[in-house]
Amino acid sequence: MDTTLPPDYVPSDDEPFMNDQQKEFFRQKLLKWKIDLVRESEETLLDLHQDGGIQEPDLADRATTETGRALEFRTRDRARKLIAKIDAALERISNGTYGYCEETGEPISLKRLEARPVATLSLEAQERHERRERVYRQD
């Protein structure tokens, strides 16, 4: 994509949906997010390696350290899953399906995409999905 964005560009409903500028805006936003997540993961791994094994003699201190490490690993796992969603969104930008609801084919609102660039469902479709999920979870 050879689209150059003005520094203050923000997608608007006044322009054609998913034009080249909007695609480039979201592509850059997703790439920056991915780079930040990868950097944070690398920093966490470096910190965990530098800490080495848990050497705390006190059981309470050891438990606190283990809990912190487990939380870091869960956070990194969430980041890994998010990176996969970012990669999928970047692929949708490439193939022209980004910004369209997977369920209805309708455009996902720009506000929703700005808040959640990896969104695959429109707000209405997401709400329906969550309602169905709650109903089945209660059974």
C-alpha atoms as a PDB file:
ATOM      1  CA  MET A   1       0.000   0.000   0.000  1.00  0.00           C
ATOM      2  CA  ASP A   2       1.565   3.304  -1.086  1.00  0.00           C
ATOM      3  CA  THR A   3      -0.876   5.607   0.674  1.00  0.00           C
ATOM      4  CA  THR A   4       0.673   8.441   2.683  1.00  0.00           C
ATOM      5  CA  LEU A   5      -1.451   9.763   5.512  1.00  0.00           C
ATOM      6  CA  PRO A   6      -1.505  13.356   6.691  1.00  0.00           C
ATOM      7  CA  PRO A   7      -0.082  13.462  10.252  1.00  0.00           C
ATOM      8  CA  ASP A   8      -3.439  14.392  11.779  1.00  0.00           C
ATOM      9  CA  TYR A   9      -5.598  12.041   9.673  1.00  0.00           C
ATOM     10  CA  VAL A  10      -8.582  10.463  11.405  1.00  0.00           C
ATOM     11  CA  PRO A  11     -11.080   8.285   9.495  1.00  0.00           C
ATOM     12  CA  SER A  12     -14.404   9.983   8.944  1.00  0.00           C
ATOM     13  CA  ASP A  13     -17.907   8.885   7.996  1.00  0.00           C
ATOM     14  CA  ASP A  14     -17.820  11.678   5.383  1.00  0.00           C
ATOM     15  CA  GLU A  15     -15.494   9.665   3.125  1.00  0.00           C
ATOM     16  CA  PRO A  16     -16.012   6.358   1.308  1.00  0.00           C
ATOM     17  CA  PHE A  17     -15.841   3.408   3.717  1.00  0.00           C
ATOM     18  CA  MET A  18     -12.500   1.561   3.734  1.00  0.00           C
ATOM     19  CA  ASN A  19     -10.882   3.795   1.155  1.00  0.00           C
ATOM     20  CA  ASP A  20      -7.091   3.594   0.827  1.00  0.00           C
ATOM     21  CA  GLN A  21      -6.488   6.185   3.565  1.00  0.00           C
ATOM     22  CA  GLN A  22      -8.706   4.367   6.061  1.00  0.00           C
ATOM     23  CA  LYS A  23      -7.049   1.042   5.259  1.00  0.00           C
ATOM     24  CA  GLU A  24      -3.607   2.584   5.728  1.00  0.00           C
ATOM     25  CA  PHE A  25      -4.694   4.260   8.981  1.00  0.00           C
ATOM     26  CA  PHE A  26      -5.844   0.947  10.449  1.00  0.00           C
ATOM     27  CA  ARG A  27      -2.847  -0.938   9.020  1.00  0.00           C
ATOM     28  CA  GLN A  28      -0.482   1.477  10.789  1.00  0.00           C
ATOM     29  CA  LYS A  29      -2.516   1.338  14.000  1.00  0.00           C
ATOM     30  CA  LEU A  30      -2.454  -2.468  14.005  1.00  0.00           C
ATOM     31  CA  LEU A  31       1.267  -2.656  13.201  1.00  0.00           C
ATOM     32  CA  LYS A  32       2.136  -0.228  16.009  1.00  0.00           C
ATOM     33  CA  TRP A  33      -0.008  -2.221  18.443  1.00  0.00           C
ATOM     34  CA  LYS A  34       1.697  -5.458  17.388  1.00  0.00           C
ATOM     35  CA  ILE A  35       5.178  -3.942  17.738  1.00  0.00           C
ATOM     36  CA  ASP A  36       4.301  -2.699  21.246  1.00  0.00           C
ATOM     37  CA  LEU A  37       2.990  -6.135  22.282  1.00  0.00           C
ATOM     38  CA  VAL A  38       6.064  -7.940  20.937  1.00  0.00           C
ATOM     39  CA  ARG A  39       8.380  -5.481  22.692  1.00  0.00           C
ATOM     40  CA  GLU A  40       6.520  -5.937  25.993  1.00  0.00           C
ATOM     41  CA  SER A  41       6.717  -9.726  25.608  1.00  0.00           C
ATOM     42  CA  GLU A  42      10.446  -9.582  24.954  1.00  0.00           C
ATOM     43  CA  GLU A  43      10.948  -7.370  28.024  1.00  0.00           C
ATOM     44  CA  THR A  44       8.956  -9.793  30.167  1.00  0.00           C
ATOM     45  CA  LEU A  45      10.939 -12.781  28.934  1.00  0.00           C
ATOM     46  CA  LEU A  46      14.185 -10.937  29.573  1.00  0.00           C
ATOM     47  CA  ASP A  47      13.058 -10.075  33.112  1.00  0.00           C
ATOM     48  CA  LEU A  48      12.040 -13.681  33.783  1.00  0.00           C
ATOM     49  CA  HIS A  49      15.392 -14.965  32.514  1.00  0.00           C
ATOM     50  CA  GLN A  50      17.330 -12.440  34.580  1.00  0.00           C
ATOM     51  CA  ASP A  51      15.424 -13.450  37.699  1.00  0.00           C
ATOM     52  CA  GLY A  52      16.488 -17.057  37.123  1.00  0.00           C
ATOM     53  CA  GLY A  53      14.954 -19.691  39.340  1.00  0.00           C
ATOM     54  CA  ILE A  54      12.974 -18.742  42.358  1.00  0.00           C
ATOM     55  CA  GLN A  55      15.458 -18.455  45.227  1.00  0.00           C
ATOM     56  CA  GLU A  56      13.139 -17.096  47.905  1.00  0.00           C
ATOM     57  CA  PRO A  57      13.817 -18.922  51.200  1.00  0.00           C
ATOM     58  CA  ASP A  58      10.542 -17.769  52.759  1.00  0.00           C
ATOM     59  CA  LEU A  59       7.486 -19.737  51.575  1.00  0.00           C
ATOM     60  CA  ALA A  60       5.263 -16.642  51.505  1.00  0.00           C
ATOM     61  CA  ASP A  61       7.827 -14.729  49.410  1.00  0.00           C
ATOM     62  CA  ARG A  62       8.201 -17.709  47.080  1.00  0.00           C
ATOM     63  CA  ALA A  63       4.417 -17.944  46.676  1.00  0.00           C
ATOM     64  CA  THR A  64       4.209 -14.220  45.910  1.00  0.00           C
ATOM     65  CA  THR A  65       6.964 -14.538  43.303  1.00  0.00           C
ATOM     66  CA  GLU A  66       5.298 -17.599  41.734  1.00  0.00           C
ATOM     67  CA  THR A  67       1.936 -15.805  41.606  1.00  0.00           C
ATOM     68  CA  GLY A  68       3.554 -12.844  39.884  1.00  0.00           C
ATOM     69  CA  ARG A  69       5.227 -15.100  37.330  1.00  0.00           C
ATOM     70  CA  ALA A  70       1.982 -16.973  36.644  1.00  0.00           C
ATOM     71  CA  LEU A  71       0.216 -13.660  36.082  1.00  0.00           C
ATOM     72  CA  GLU A  72       2.971 -12.572  33.666  1.00  0.00           C
ATOM     73  CA  PHE A  73       2.635 -15.831  31.731  1.00  0.00           C
ATOM     74  CA  ARG A  74      -1.164 -15.418  31.478  1.00  0.00           C
ATOM     75  CA  THR A  75      -0.675 -11.836  30.302  1.00  0.00           C
ATOM     76  CA  ARG A  76       1.852 -12.982  27.680  1.00  0.00           C
ATOM     77  CA  ASP A  77      -0.544 -15.705  26.518  1.00  0.00           C
ATOM     78  CA  ARG A  78      -3.288 -13.101  26.063  1.00  0.00           C
ATOM     79  CA  ALA A  79      -0.821 -10.934  24.141  1.00  0.00           C
ATOM     80  CA  ARG A  80       0.088 -13.914  21.923  1.00  0.00           C
ATOM     81  CA  LYS A  81      -3.586 -14.466  21.112  1.00  0.00           C
ATOM     82  CA  LEU A  82      -4.046 -10.745  20.456  1.00  0.00           C
ATOM     83  CA  ILE A  83      -1.065 -10.738  18.093  1.00  0.00           C
ATOM     84  CA  ALA A  84      -2.745 -13.553  16.147  1.00  0.00           C
ATOM     85  CA  LYS A  85      -5.911 -11.429  15.914  1.00  0.00           C
ATOM     86  CA  ILE A  86      -3.832  -8.448  14.756  1.00  0.00           C
ATOM     87  CA  ASP A  87      -2.198 -10.614  12.075  1.00  0.00           C
ATOM     88  CA  ALA A  88      -5.644 -11.780  10.939  1.00  0.00           C
ATOM     89  CA  ALA A  89      -6.852  -8.159  10.775  1.00  0.00           C
ATOM     90  CA  LEU A  90      -3.788  -7.185   8.713  1.00  0.00           C
ATOM     91  CA  GLU A  91      -4.584 -10.077   6.363  1.00  0.00           C
ATOM     92  CA  ARG A  92      -8.188  -8.802   6.042  1.00  0.00           C
ATOM     93  CA  ILE A  93      -6.821  -5.363   5.117  1.00  0.00           C
ATOM     94  CA  SER A  94      -4.718  -7.031   2.406  1.00  0.00           C
ATOM     95  CA  ASN A  95      -7.599  -9.044   0.985  1.00  0.00           C
ATOM     96  CA  GLY A  96     -10.184  -6.243   1.195  1.00  0.00           C
ATOM     97  CA  THR A  97     -12.479  -7.731   3.839  1.00  0.00           C
ATOM     98  CA  TYR A  98     -11.310  -5.582   6.771  1.00  0.00           C
ATOM     99  CA  GLY A  99     -13.987  -3.434   8.370  1.00  0.00           C
ATOM    100  CA  TYR A 100     -16.888  -5.626   7.302  1.00  0.00           C
ATOM    101  CA  CYS A 101     -18.891  -7.763   9.706  1.00  0.00           C
ATOM    102  CA  GLU A 102     -18.176 -11.471   9.296  1.00  0.00           C
ATOM    103  CA  GLU A 103     -21.788 -12.280  10.181  1.00  0.00           C
ATOM    104  CA  THR A 104     -23.768  -9.712   8.162  1.00  0.00           C
ATOM    105  CA  GLY A 105     -21.272  -8.354   5.639  1.00  0.00           C
ATOM    106  CA  GLU A 106     -22.231  -4.832   6.686  1.00  0.00           C
ATOM    107  CA  PRO A 107     -19.574  -2.213   7.517  1.00  0.00           C
ATOM    108  CA  ILE A 108     -18.378  -2.117  11.122  1.00  0.00           C
ATOM    109  CA  SER A 109     -18.570   1.446  12.432  1.00  0.00           C
ATOM    110  CA  LEU A 110     -15.367   3.476  12.311  1.00  0.00           C
ATOM    111  CA  LYS A 111     -15.748   4.295  16.007  1.00  0.00           C
ATOM    112  CA  ARG A 112     -15.840   0.580  16.837  1.00  0.00           C
ATOM    113  CA  LEU A 113     -12.817  -0.110  14.640  1.00  0.00           C
ATOM    114  CA  GLU A 114     -10.870   2.735  16.244  1.00  0.00           C
ATOM    115  CA  ALA A 115     -11.689   1.369  19.707  1.00  0.00           C
ATOM    116  CA  ARG A 116     -11.150  -2.290  18.744  1.00  0.00           C
ATOM    117  CA  PRO A 117      -9.192  -2.530  15.465  1.00  0.00           C
ATOM    118  CA  VAL A 118      -9.340  -6.341  15.520  1.00  0.00           C
ATOM    119  CA  ALA A 119     -13.160  -6.373  15.609  1.00  0.00           C
ATOM    120  CA  THR A 120     -14.745  -8.832  13.191  1.00  0.00           C
ATOM    121  CA  LEU A 121     -18.379  -8.208  14.078  1.00  0.00           C
ATOM    122  CA  SER A 122     -20.488  -5.073  14.004  1.00  0.00           C
ATOM    123  CA  LEU A 123     -21.682  -3.836  17.377  1.00  0.00           C
ATOM    124  CA  GLU A 124     -25.156  -5.276  16.788  1.00  0.00           C
ATOM    125  CA  ALA A 125     -23.803  -8.675  15.711  1.00  0.00           C
ATOM    126  CA  GLN A 126     -21.419  -8.725  18.699  1.00  0.00           C
ATOM    127  CA  GLU A 127     -24.294  -7.972  21.079  1.00  0.00           C
ATOM    128  CA  ARG A 128     -26.379 -10.795  19.539  1.00  0.00           C
ATOM    129  CA  HIS A 129     -23.403 -13.134  19.867  1.00  0.00           C
ATOM    130  CA  GLU A 130     -22.923 -12.207  23.541  1.00  0.00           C
ATOM    131  CA  ARG A 131     -26.645 -12.625  24.295  1.00  0.00           C
ATOM    132  CA  ARG A 132     -26.620 -16.122  22.743  1.00  0.00           C
ATOM    133  CA  GLU A 133     -23.481 -16.949  24.702  1.00  0.00           C
ATOM    134  CA  ARG A 134     -25.121 -15.898  27.988  1.00  0.00           C
ATOM    135  CA  VAL A 135     -28.235 -17.952  27.244  1.00  0.00           C
ATOM    136  CA  TYR A 136     -26.235 -21.096  26.495  1.00  0.00           C
ATOM    137  CA  ARG A 137     -23.932 -20.556  29.468  1.00  0.00           C
ATOM    138  CA  GLN A 138     -26.920 -20.505  31.820  1.00  0.00           C
ATOM    139  CA  ASP A 139     -28.122 -23.904  30.605  1.00  0.00           C
END
